Amino acid sequence: MNYTIIENKKFINLTPHIINLLYNDKEIKINPSGKILRLEEKNKNDNNIIIERRYELSENIPHEKDCYYIVSSIVQFFSKRNDFVSPDTGSTAIRDKDGHIKAVKNFIKINTL
């Protein structure tokens, strides 16, 4: 599985997208690992207008010391894993004239306390 080392930490990109990280005035290209982590929907429908839905990770990702997994924000939120991070696509992201993201400056770890 492809990974990138930054500050003695391993980053594994579990999205289908190339992540361009602008860090310490250098652009670091983080390629997809070849594995995509998604959420699977599990629905319970008793022929009602409102259905029950729960989400599960599409596969089990083992914990690894000094390793962060880059995932989508929604996967990170539902997983509640401290080793999952998402690209910060908010106000600090670098965008082109059409508003498309060209690079991010950091990753977000959602506080799941």
Protein backbone atom coordinates (compact mmCIF):
# COMPACT_ATOMS: atom_id res chain seq x y z
CA MET A 1 0.00 0.00 0.00
CA ASN A 2 1.38 3.43 -0.96
CA TYR A 3 2.17 5.87 1.84
CA THR A 4 3.94 9.18 2.44
CA ILE A 5 6.23 10.03 5.37
CA ILE A 6 5.91 13.54 6.86
CA GLU A 7 7.65 14.43 10.14
CA ASN A 8 8.34 10.75 10.92
CA LYS A 9 4.65 9.91 10.57
CA LYS A 10 3.17 7.70 7.92
CA PHE A 11 0.16 9.01 5.97
CA ILE A 12 -1.92 6.54 3.99
CA ASN A 13 -4.43 8.06 1.59
CA LEU A 14 -7.63 6.00 1.64
CA THR A 15 -9.44 8.34 -0.77
CA PRO A 16 -9.49 8.09 -4.58
CA HIS A 17 -8.00 11.61 -4.85
CA ILE A 18 -4.44 12.91 -5.01
CA ILE A 19 -3.91 15.19 -1.99
CA ASN A 20 -1.65 18.18 -2.58
CA LEU A 21 -0.38 19.36 0.79
CA LEU A 22 1.41 22.71 1.05
CA TYR A 23 3.56 22.26 4.14
CA ASN A 24 6.58 24.34 5.22
CA ASP A 25 6.60 26.07 1.81
CA LYS A 26 6.83 22.73 -0.03
CA GLU A 27 4.13 20.97 -1.97
CA ILE A 28 3.84 17.32 -1.02
CA LYS A 29 1.83 15.08 -3.34
CA ILE A 30 0.08 12.25 -1.49
CA ASN A 31 -1.13 9.66 -3.96
CA PRO A 32 -4.06 7.34 -3.30
CA SER A 33 -2.97 4.12 -1.62
CA GLY A 34 -5.03 1.95 -3.94
CA LYS A 35 -7.51 1.21 -1.17
CA ILE A 36 -10.62 3.37 -0.70
CA LEU A 37 -12.40 3.46 2.65
CA ARG A 38 -16.09 4.28 2.42
CA LEU A 39 -19.18 4.05 4.54
CA GLU A 40 -21.74 1.36 3.81
CA GLU A 41 -25.39 2.11 4.47
CA LYS A 42 -27.45 -0.39 6.38
CA ASN A 43 -31.15 0.42 6.10
CA LYS A 44 -34.10 -0.95 8.02
CA ASN A 45 -37.35 -0.24 6.25
CA ASP A 46 -40.65 -1.45 7.65
CA ASN A 47 -42.57 0.18 4.78
CA ASN A 48 -42.65 3.47 6.70
CA ILE A 49 -42.05 6.94 5.39
CA ILE A 50 -39.08 7.19 7.76
CA ILE A 51 -36.40 4.51 7.59
CA GLU A 52 -33.66 3.68 10.06
CA ARG A 53 -30.13 3.94 8.70
CA ARG A 54 -26.79 3.16 10.21
CA TYR A 55 -23.35 3.45 8.70
CA GLU A 56 -20.44 1.04 8.89
CA LEU A 57 -16.91 1.21 7.52
CA SER A 58 -16.54 -0.77 4.31
CA GLU A 59 -13.60 -2.64 5.84
CA ASN A 60 -11.57 -2.90 9.03
CA ILE A 61 -8.38 -0.82 9.04
CA PRO A 62 -5.82 -1.89 11.65
CA HIS A 63 -4.25 0.64 14.02
CA GLU A 64 -0.58 1.30 13.33
CA LYS A 65 1.80 3.37 15.49
CA ASP A 66 2.71 6.82 14.07
CA CYS A 67 0.35 6.32 11.14
CA TYR A 68 -2.55 8.47 10.01
CA TYR A 69 -5.15 7.45 7.47
CA ILE A 70 -6.48 10.17 5.17
CA VAL A 71 -10.22 9.68 4.70
CA SER A 72 -13.26 11.78 3.80
CA SER A 73 -14.74 13.96 6.55
CA ILE A 74 -17.88 11.84 6.76
CA VAL A 75 -15.87 8.61 7.16
CA GLN A 76 -13.79 10.27 9.87
CA PHE A 77 -16.88 11.55 11.70
CA PHE A 78 -18.67 8.20 11.75
CA SER A 79 -15.58 6.12 12.53
CA LYS A 80 -14.59 8.01 15.69
CA ARG A 81 -10.98 6.92 15.11
CA ASN A 82 -8.14 9.13 16.38
CA ASP A 83 -5.84 8.02 13.57
CA PHE A 84 -8.17 9.20 10.78
CA VAL A 85 -7.63 12.67 9.35
CA SER A 86 -9.29 14.63 6.56
CA PRO A 87 -7.93 17.34 4.28
CA ASP A 88 -8.82 20.81 5.57
CA THR A 89 -10.90 22.10 2.65
CA GLY A 90 -12.11 25.14 4.60
CA SER A 91 -10.87 28.72 4.48
CA THR A 92 -7.15 27.79 4.50
CA ALA A 93 -7.37 25.65 1.35
CA ILE A 94 -5.69 27.00 -1.78
CA ARG A 95 -8.19 27.36 -4.62
CA ASP A 96 -8.04 28.28 -8.28
CA LYS A 97 -10.04 31.14 -9.82
CA ASP A 98 -13.07 28.83 -10.20
CA GLY A 99 -13.00 27.80 -6.53
CA HIS A 100 -11.59 24.29 -7.09
CA ILE A 101 -9.14 23.10 -4.46
CA LYS A 102 -5.54 22.97 -5.67
CA ALA A 103 -3.90 22.19 -2.30
CA VAL A 104 -4.54 22.04 1.42
CA LYS A 105 -2.30 23.36 4.19
CA ASN A 106 -3.20 20.86 6.89
CA PHE A 107 -5.35 17.97 7.95
CA ILE A 108 -8.24 17.95 10.41
CA LYS A 109 -8.69 15.46 13.21
CA ILE A 110 -12.30 15.64 14.38
CA ASN A 111 -12.72 15.80 18.14
CA THR A 112 -14.89 12.80 18.97
CA LEU A 113 -14.93 13.26 22.75
